[in-house]
Full PDB file with SEQRES, HELIX, SHEET, SSBOND, CRYST1, ORIGX, SCALE, CONECT and MASTER records, all heavy atoms in Angstrom:
SEQRES   1 A   30  GLU ASN THR GLY LYS GLN GLU PRO ILE ARG VAL LYS LYS          
SEQRES   2 A   30  VAL GLY ARG ASN LYS PRO CYS PRO CYS GLY SER GLY LYS          
SEQRES   3 A   30  LYS TYR LYS GLN                                              
CRYST1    1.000    1.000    1.000  90.00  90.00  90.00 P 1           1          
ORIGX1      1.000000  0.000000  0.000000        0.00000                         
ORIGX2      0.000000  1.000000  0.000000        0.00000                         
ORIGX3      0.000000  0.000000  1.000000        0.00000                         
SCALE1      1.000000  0.000000  0.000000        0.00000                         
SCALE2      0.000000  1.000000  0.000000        0.00000                         
SCALE3      0.000000  0.000000  1.000000        0.00000                         
ATOM      1  N   GLU A   1    -317.654 156.012 -69.616  1.00  0.00           N  
ATOM      2  CA  GLU A   1    -318.491 155.155 -70.330  1.00  0.00           C  
ATOM      3  C   GLU A   1    -318.046 154.731 -71.714  1.00  0.00           C  
ATOM      4  O   GLU A   1    -318.322 153.489 -72.224  1.00  0.00           O  
ATOM      5  CB  GLU A   1    -319.895 155.921 -70.597  1.00  0.00           C  
ATOM      6  CG  GLU A   1    -320.686 156.182 -69.305  1.00  0.00           C  
ATOM      7  CD  GLU A   1    -321.965 156.886 -69.709  1.00  0.00           C  
ATOM      8  OE1 GLU A   1    -322.141 157.364 -70.798  1.00  0.00           O  
ATOM      9  OE2 GLU A   1    -322.776 157.192 -68.777  1.00  0.00           O  
ATOM     10  N   ASN A   2    -317.147 155.374 -72.350  1.00  0.00           N  
ATOM     11  CA  ASN A   2    -316.639 154.958 -73.620  1.00  0.00           C  
ATOM     12  C   ASN A   2    -315.543 154.032 -73.624  1.00  0.00           C  
ATOM     13  O   ASN A   2    -315.376 153.143 -74.347  1.00  0.00           O  
ATOM     14  CB  ASN A   2    -316.133 156.342 -74.366  1.00  0.00           C  
ATOM     15  CG  ASN A   2    -317.244 157.269 -74.664  1.00  0.00           C  
ATOM     16  OD1 ASN A   2    -318.371 156.824 -74.859  1.00  0.00           O  
ATOM     17  ND2 ASN A   2    -317.172 158.559 -74.411  1.00  0.00           N  
ATOM     18  N   THR A   3    -314.646 154.169 -72.562  1.00  0.00           N  
ATOM     19  CA  THR A   3    -313.501 153.354 -72.559  1.00  0.00           C  
ATOM     20  C   THR A   3    -313.447 152.233 -71.438  1.00  0.00           C  
ATOM     21  O   THR A   3    -312.786 151.318 -71.600  1.00  0.00           O  
ATOM     22  CB  THR A   3    -312.204 154.161 -72.238  1.00  0.00           C  
ATOM     23  OG1 THR A   3    -312.417 154.748 -70.966  1.00  0.00           O  
ATOM     24  CG2 THR A   3    -312.115 155.319 -73.216  1.00  0.00           C  
ATOM     25  N   GLY A   4    -314.233 152.438 -70.441  1.00  0.00           N  
ATOM     26  CA  GLY A   4    -314.377 151.441 -69.386  1.00  0.00           C  
ATOM     27  C   GLY A   4    -313.189 151.552 -68.447  1.00  0.00           C  
ATOM     28  O   GLY A   4    -312.933 150.822 -67.694  1.00  0.00           O  
ATOM     29  N   LYS A   5    -312.344 152.632 -68.649  1.00  0.00           N  
ATOM     30  CA  LYS A   5    -311.090 152.867 -67.875  1.00  0.00           C  
ATOM     31  C   LYS A   5    -311.387 153.875 -66.761  1.00  0.00           C  
ATOM     32  O   LYS A   5    -312.184 154.738 -66.963  1.00  0.00           O  
ATOM     33  CB  LYS A   5    -309.896 153.300 -68.631  1.00  0.00           C  
ATOM     34  CG  LYS A   5    -309.434 152.119 -69.728  1.00  0.00           C  
ATOM     35  CD  LYS A   5    -308.317 152.625 -70.513  1.00  0.00           C  
ATOM     36  CE  LYS A   5    -307.916 151.660 -71.446  1.00  0.00           C  
ATOM     37  NZ  LYS A   5    -306.638 152.130 -72.271  1.00  0.00           N  
ATOM     38  N   GLN A   6    -310.631 153.750 -65.551  1.00  0.00           N  
ATOM     39  CA  GLN A   6    -310.704 154.546 -64.510  1.00  0.00           C  
ATOM     40  C   GLN A   6    -310.560 156.106 -64.926  1.00  0.00           C  
ATOM     41  O   GLN A   6    -309.436 156.311 -65.495  1.00  0.00           O  
ATOM     42  CB  GLN A   6    -310.040 154.161 -63.346  1.00  0.00           C  
ATOM     43  CG  GLN A   6    -310.281 155.066 -61.977  1.00  0.00           C  
ATOM     44  CD  GLN A   6    -309.309 154.523 -60.984  1.00  0.00           C  
ATOM     45  OE1 GLN A   6    -308.765 153.410 -60.906  1.00  0.00           O  
ATOM     46  NE2 GLN A   6    -309.354 155.230 -59.894  1.00  0.00           N  
ATOM     47  N   GLU A   7    -311.302 156.966 -64.536  1.00  0.00           N  
ATOM     48  CA  GLU A   7    -311.077 158.388 -64.787  1.00  0.00           C  
ATOM     49  C   GLU A   7    -310.122 158.985 -63.704  1.00  0.00           C  
ATOM     50  O   GLU A   7    -310.139 158.566 -62.546  1.00  0.00           O  
ATOM     51  CB  GLU A   7    -312.351 159.175 -64.787  1.00  0.00           C  
ATOM     52  CG  GLU A   7    -313.349 158.957 -65.848  1.00  0.00           C  
ATOM     53  CD  GLU A   7    -312.871 159.701 -67.109  1.00  0.00           C  
ATOM     54  OE1 GLU A   7    -311.857 160.180 -67.199  1.00  0.00           O  
ATOM     55  OE2 GLU A   7    -313.773 159.745 -68.067  1.00  0.00           O  
ATOM     56  N   PRO A   8    -309.366 159.980 -64.107  1.00  0.00           N  
ATOM     57  CA  PRO A   8    -308.544 160.609 -63.028  1.00  0.00           C  
ATOM     58  C   PRO A   8    -309.518 161.347 -62.030  1.00  0.00           C  
ATOM     59  O   PRO A   8    -310.669 161.771 -62.293  1.00  0.00           O  
ATOM     60  CB  PRO A   8    -307.855 161.798 -63.779  1.00  0.00           C  
ATOM     61  CG  PRO A   8    -307.952 161.348 -65.256  1.00  0.00           C  
ATOM     62  CD  PRO A   8    -309.141 160.531 -65.373  1.00  0.00           C  
ATOM     63  N   ILE A   9    -309.092 161.219 -60.736  1.00  0.00           N  
ATOM     64  CA  ILE A   9    -309.977 161.625 -59.606  1.00  0.00           C  
ATOM     65  C   ILE A   9    -309.367 162.860 -58.974  1.00  0.00           C  
ATOM     66  O   ILE A   9    -308.154 162.961 -58.744  1.00  0.00           O  
ATOM     67  CB  ILE A   9    -310.159 160.588 -58.661  1.00  0.00           C  
ATOM     68  CG1 ILE A   9    -310.645 159.254 -59.269  1.00  0.00           C  
ATOM     69  CG2 ILE A   9    -311.011 161.052 -57.435  1.00  0.00           C  
ATOM     70  CD1 ILE A   9    -312.095 159.089 -59.196  1.00  0.00           C  
ATOM     71  N   ARG A  10    -310.105 164.010 -58.843  1.00  0.00           N  
ATOM     72  CA  ARG A  10    -309.628 165.054 -58.059  1.00  0.00           C  
ATOM     73  C   ARG A  10    -310.331 164.991 -56.704  1.00  0.00           C  
ATOM     74  O   ARG A  10    -311.377 164.862 -56.575  1.00  0.00           O  
ATOM     75  CB  ARG A  10    -309.979 166.387 -58.753  1.00  0.00           C  
ATOM     76  CG  ARG A  10    -309.424 166.568 -60.175  1.00  0.00           C  
ATOM     77  CD  ARG A  10    -309.772 167.871 -60.793  1.00  0.00           C  
ATOM     78  NE  ARG A  10    -309.265 167.964 -62.137  1.00  0.00           N  
ATOM     79  CZ  ARG A  10    -308.074 168.339 -62.371  1.00  0.00           C  
ATOM     80  NH1 ARG A  10    -307.183 168.847 -61.407  1.00  0.00           N  
ATOM     81  NH2 ARG A  10    -307.660 168.524 -63.687  1.00  0.00           N  
ATOM     82  N   VAL A  11    -309.417 165.148 -55.642  1.00  0.00           N  
ATOM     83  CA  VAL A  11    -309.827 164.915 -54.310  1.00  0.00           C  
ATOM     84  C   VAL A  11    -309.887 166.358 -53.586  1.00  0.00           C  
ATOM     85  O   VAL A  11    -308.883 166.913 -53.658  1.00  0.00           O  
ATOM     86  CB  VAL A  11    -308.898 164.009 -53.547  1.00  0.00           C  
ATOM     87  CG1 VAL A  11    -309.461 163.838 -52.155  1.00  0.00           C  
ATOM     88  CG2 VAL A  11    -308.817 162.676 -54.263  1.00  0.00           C  
ATOM     89  N   LYS A  12    -311.032 166.703 -52.974  1.00  0.00           N  
ATOM     90  CA  LYS A  12    -311.098 167.898 -52.148  1.00  0.00           C  
ATOM     91  C   LYS A  12    -310.764 167.344 -50.762  1.00  0.00           C  
ATOM     92  O   LYS A  12    -311.496 166.559 -50.078  1.00  0.00           O  
ATOM     93  CB  LYS A  12    -312.375 168.413 -52.070  1.00  0.00           C  
ATOM     94  CG  LYS A  12    -312.571 169.722 -51.242  1.00  0.00           C  
ATOM     95  CD  LYS A  12    -313.900 170.228 -51.458  1.00  0.00           C  
ATOM     96  CE  LYS A  12    -313.957 171.574 -50.658  1.00  0.00           C  
ATOM     97  NZ  LYS A  12    -315.423 172.189 -50.624  1.00  0.00           N  
ATOM     98  N   LYS A  13    -309.477 167.657 -50.214  1.00  0.00           N  
ATOM     99  CA  LYS A  13    -309.156 167.219 -49.003  1.00  0.00           C  
ATOM    100  C   LYS A  13    -309.459 167.970 -47.744  1.00  0.00           C  
ATOM    101  O   LYS A  13    -309.605 169.202 -47.860  1.00  0.00           O  
ATOM    102  CB  LYS A  13    -307.578 167.073 -48.993  1.00  0.00           C  
ATOM    103  CG  LYS A  13    -306.996 166.051 -49.947  1.00  0.00           C  
ATOM    104  CD  LYS A  13    -305.519 165.970 -49.953  1.00  0.00           C  
ATOM    105  CE  LYS A  13    -304.897 165.093 -50.898  1.00  0.00           C  
ATOM    106  NZ  LYS A  13    -305.278 163.581 -50.645  1.00  0.00           N  
ATOM    107  N   VAL A  14    -309.588 167.266 -46.582  1.00  0.00           N  
ATOM    108  CA  VAL A  14    -309.629 168.017 -45.233  1.00  0.00           C  
ATOM    109  C   VAL A  14    -308.270 168.672 -45.121  1.00  0.00           C  
ATOM    110  O   VAL A  14    -307.255 168.171 -45.447  1.00  0.00           O  
ATOM    111  CB  VAL A  14    -309.928 166.891 -44.159  1.00  0.00           C  
ATOM    112  CG1 VAL A  14    -310.103 167.660 -42.837  1.00  0.00           C  
ATOM    113  CG2 VAL A  14    -311.242 166.234 -44.459  1.00  0.00           C  
ATOM    114  N   GLY A  15    -308.360 169.937 -44.403  1.00  0.00           N  
ATOM    115  CA  GLY A  15    -307.192 170.653 -44.206  1.00  0.00           C  
ATOM    116  C   GLY A  15    -306.223 169.816 -43.322  1.00  0.00           C  
ATOM    117  O   GLY A  15    -306.592 169.170 -42.392  1.00  0.00           O  
ATOM    118  N   ARG A  16    -304.915 169.754 -43.682  1.00  0.00           N  
ATOM    119  CA  ARG A  16    -304.011 168.826 -43.072  1.00  0.00           C  
ATOM    120  C   ARG A  16    -303.788 169.131 -41.554  1.00  0.00           C  
ATOM    121  O   ARG A  16    -303.474 168.207 -40.874  1.00  0.00           O  
ATOM    122  CB  ARG A  16    -302.537 169.077 -43.825  1.00  0.00           C  
ATOM    123  CG  ARG A  16    -302.604 168.795 -45.277  1.00  0.00           C  
ATOM    124  CD  ARG A  16    -302.459 167.232 -45.516  1.00  0.00           C  
ATOM    125  NE  ARG A  16    -301.143 166.798 -45.143  1.00  0.00           N  
ATOM    126  CZ  ARG A  16    -300.930 165.463 -44.910  1.00  0.00           C  
ATOM    127  NH1 ARG A  16    -301.816 164.610 -45.007  1.00  0.00           N  
ATOM    128  NH2 ARG A  16    -299.755 165.032 -44.583  1.00  0.00           N  
ATOM    129  N   ASN A  17    -303.970 170.358 -41.100  1.00  0.00           N  
ATOM    130  CA  ASN A  17    -303.792 170.736 -39.768  1.00  0.00           C  
ATOM    131  C   ASN A  17    -305.069 170.762 -38.877  1.00  0.00           C  
ATOM    132  O   ASN A  17    -305.081 171.076 -37.710  1.00  0.00           O  
ATOM    133  CB  ASN A  17    -303.023 172.024 -39.533  1.00  0.00           C  
ATOM    134  CG  ASN A  17    -301.594 171.940 -39.943  1.00  0.00           C  
ATOM    135  OD1 ASN A  17    -300.868 170.975 -39.427  1.00  0.00           O  
ATOM    136  ND2 ASN A  17    -301.098 172.797 -40.861  1.00  0.00           N  
ATOM    137  N   LYS A  18    -306.272 170.372 -39.614  1.00  0.00           N  
ATOM    138  CA  LYS A  18    -307.558 170.311 -38.992  1.00  0.00           C  
ATOM    139  C   LYS A  18    -307.771 168.943 -38.290  1.00  0.00           C  
ATOM    140  O   LYS A  18    -307.075 167.973 -38.625  1.00  0.00           O  
ATOM    141  CB  LYS A  18    -308.590 170.570 -40.035  1.00  0.00           C  
ATOM    142  CG  LYS A  18    -308.689 171.868 -40.676  1.00  0.00           C  
ATOM    143  CD  LYS A  18    -308.994 173.004 -39.718  1.00  0.00           C  
ATOM    144  CE  LYS A  18    -309.049 174.340 -40.527  1.00  0.00           C  
ATOM    145  NZ  LYS A  18    -309.382 175.472 -39.678  1.00  0.00           N  
ATOM    146  N   PRO A  19    -308.621 168.954 -37.246  1.00  0.00           N  
ATOM    147  CA  PRO A  19    -308.842 167.633 -36.619  1.00  0.00           C  
ATOM    148  C   PRO A  19    -309.472 166.691 -37.581  1.00  0.00           C  
ATOM    149  O   PRO A  19    -310.170 167.052 -38.506  1.00  0.00           O  
ATOM    150  CB  PRO A  19    -309.907 167.975 -35.541  1.00  0.00           C  
ATOM    151  CG  PRO A  19    -309.745 169.462 -35.338  1.00  0.00           C  
ATOM    152  CD  PRO A  19    -309.391 170.195 -36.606  1.00  0.00           C  
ATOM    153  N   CYS A  20    -309.065 165.396 -37.537  1.00  0.00           N  
ATOM    154  CA  CYS A  20    -309.615 164.428 -38.419  1.00  0.00           C  
ATOM    155  C   CYS A  20    -311.064 164.189 -38.153  1.00  0.00           C  
ATOM    156  O   CYS A  20    -311.463 164.081 -37.045  1.00  0.00           O  
ATOM    157  CB  CYS A  20    -308.806 163.127 -38.288  1.00  0.00           C  
ATOM    158  SG  CYS A  20    -309.245 161.894 -39.464  1.00  0.00           S  
ATOM    159  N   PRO A  21    -311.888 164.099 -39.229  1.00  0.00           N  
ATOM    160  CA  PRO A  21    -313.342 163.960 -39.005  1.00  0.00           C  
ATOM    161  C   PRO A  21    -313.776 162.657 -38.299  1.00  0.00           C  
ATOM    162  O   PRO A  21    -314.817 162.457 -37.818  1.00  0.00           O  
ATOM    163  CB  PRO A  21    -313.848 163.910 -40.476  1.00  0.00           C  
ATOM    164  CG  PRO A  21    -312.876 164.538 -41.218  1.00  0.00           C  
ATOM    165  CD  PRO A  21    -311.485 164.231 -40.657  1.00  0.00           C  
ATOM    166  N   CYS A  22    -312.708 161.753 -38.200  1.00  0.00           N  
ATOM    167  CA  CYS A  22    -313.090 160.418 -37.541  1.00  0.00           C  
ATOM    168  C   CYS A  22    -313.320 160.667 -36.056  1.00  0.00           C  
ATOM    169  O   CYS A  22    -313.809 159.720 -35.417  1.00  0.00           O  
ATOM    170  CB  CYS A  22    -312.080 159.395 -37.762  1.00  0.00           C  
ATOM    171  SG  CYS A  22    -310.564 159.667 -36.836  1.00  0.00           S  
ATOM    172  N   GLY A  23    -312.820 161.811 -35.495  1.00  0.00           N  
ATOM    173  CA  GLY A  23    -313.078 162.113 -34.109  1.00  0.00           C  
ATOM    174  C   GLY A  23    -311.996 161.577 -33.152  1.00  0.00           C  
ATOM    175  O   GLY A  23    -312.215 161.516 -31.913  1.00  0.00           O  
ATOM    176  N   SER A  24    -310.836 161.141 -33.686  1.00  0.00           N  
ATOM    177  CA  SER A  24    -309.786 160.669 -32.977  1.00  0.00           C  
ATOM    178  C   SER A  24    -309.117 161.786 -32.079  1.00  0.00           C  
ATOM    179  O   SER A  24    -308.474 161.369 -31.023  1.00  0.00           O  
ATOM    180  CB  SER A  24    -308.679 160.074 -33.860  1.00  0.00           C  
ATOM    181  OG  SER A  24    -308.068 161.012 -34.652  1.00  0.00           O  
ATOM    182  N   GLY A  25    -309.301 163.006 -32.441  1.00  0.00           N  
ATOM    183  CA  GLY A  25    -308.579 163.995 -31.802  1.00  0.00           C  
ATOM    184  C   GLY A  25    -307.296 164.405 -32.383  1.00  0.00           C  
ATOM    185  O   GLY A  25    -306.810 165.438 -32.113  1.00  0.00           O  
ATOM    186  N   LYS A  26    -306.761 163.574 -33.259  1.00  0.00           N  
ATOM    187  CA  LYS A  26    -305.541 163.908 -33.992  1.00  0.00           C  
ATOM    188  C   LYS A  26    -305.683 164.824 -35.186  1.00  0.00           C  
ATOM    189  O   LYS A  26    -306.848 164.908 -35.673  1.00  0.00           O  
ATOM    190  CB  LYS A  26    -304.916 162.558 -34.402  1.00  0.00           C  
ATOM    191  CG  LYS A  26    -304.596 161.501 -33.378  1.00  0.00           C  
ATOM    192  CD  LYS A  26    -304.054 160.212 -34.043  1.00  0.00           C  
ATOM    193  CE  LYS A  26    -303.775 159.177 -33.065  1.00  0.00           C  
ATOM    194  NZ  LYS A  26    -303.260 157.942 -33.666  1.00  0.00           N  
ATOM    195  N   LYS A  27    -304.617 165.481 -35.482  1.00  0.00           N  
ATOM    196  CA  LYS A  27    -304.855 166.248 -36.771  1.00  0.00           C  
ATOM    197  C   LYS A  27    -304.871 165.342 -37.911  1.00  0.00           C  
ATOM    198  O   LYS A  27    -304.543 164.186 -37.906  1.00  0.00           O  
ATOM    199  CB  LYS A  27    -303.411 167.050 -36.954  1.00  0.00           C  
ATOM    200  CG  LYS A  27    -303.201 168.138 -35.930  1.00  0.00           C  
ATOM    201  CD  LYS A  27    -301.981 168.897 -36.232  1.00  0.00           C  
ATOM    202  CE  LYS A  27    -301.797 169.971 -35.185  1.00  0.00           C  
ATOM    203  NZ  LYS A  27    -300.387 170.658 -35.290  1.00  0.00           N  
ATOM    204  N   TYR A  28    -305.453 165.834 -38.978  1.00  0.00           N  
ATOM    205  CA  TYR A  28    -305.805 164.846 -40.175  1.00  0.00           C  
ATOM    206  C   TYR A  28    -304.624 164.340 -40.711  1.00  0.00           C  
ATOM    207  O   TYR A  28    -304.574 163.174 -41.119  1.00  0.00           O  
ATOM    208  CB  TYR A  28    -306.575 165.851 -41.205  1.00  0.00           C  
ATOM    209  CG  TYR A  28    -306.853 165.033 -42.422  1.00  0.00           C  
ATOM    210  CD1 TYR A  28    -307.831 163.967 -42.537  1.00  0.00           C  
ATOM    211  CD2 TYR A  28    -306.431 165.424 -43.722  1.00  0.00           C  
ATOM    212  CE1 TYR A  28    -308.348 163.338 -43.617  1.00  0.00           C  
ATOM    213  CE2 TYR A  28    -306.678 164.662 -44.844  1.00  0.00           C  
ATOM    214  CZ  TYR A  28    -307.583 163.616 -44.844  1.00  0.00           C  
ATOM    215  OH  TYR A  28    -307.925 162.925 -45.994  1.00  0.00           O  
ATOM    216  N   LYS A  29    -303.544 165.217 -40.730  1.00  0.00           N  
ATOM    217  CA  LYS A  29    -302.324 164.638 -41.432  1.00  0.00           C  
ATOM    218  C   LYS A  29    -301.623 163.547 -40.537  1.00  0.00           C  
ATOM    219  O   LYS A  29    -300.769 162.777 -41.095  1.00  0.00           O  
ATOM    220  CB  LYS A  29    -301.257 165.906 -41.568  1.00  0.00           C  
ATOM    221  CG  LYS A  29    -300.775 166.546 -40.357  1.00  0.00           C  
ATOM    222  CD  LYS A  29    -299.877 167.697 -40.603  1.00  0.00           C  
ATOM    223  CE  LYS A  29    -299.374 168.351 -39.157  1.00  0.00           C  
ATOM    224  NZ  LYS A  29    -298.656 169.540 -39.536  1.00  0.00           N  
ATOM    225  N   GLN A  30    -302.079 163.544 -39.226  1.00  0.00           N  
ATOM    226  CA  GLN A  30    -301.491 162.301 -38.363  1.00  0.00           C  
ATOM    227  C   GLN A  30    -302.419 161.232 -38.267  1.00  0.00           C  
ATOM    228  O   GLN A  30    -302.081 160.289 -37.554  1.00  0.00           O  
ATOM    229  CB  GLN A  30    -301.167 163.020 -37.035  1.00  0.00           C  
ATOM    230  CG  GLN A  30    -300.059 164.071 -36.974  1.00  0.00           C  
ATOM    231  CD  GLN A  30    -299.960 164.831 -35.670  1.00  0.00           C  
ATOM    232  OE1 GLN A  30    -300.940 164.834 -34.829  1.00  0.00           O  
ATOM    233  NE2 GLN A  30    -298.940 165.612 -35.582  1.00  0.00           N  
TER     234      GLN A  30                                                      
MASTER        0    0    0    0    0    0    0    6  233    1    0    3          
END                                                                             
């Protein structure tokens, strides 16, 4: 609010070897 600039974002990621939530059947990392 003070600067109007984008804040750094911290991302909570899906586990890289878990199935992708999109339902493709592929691992998230693939």
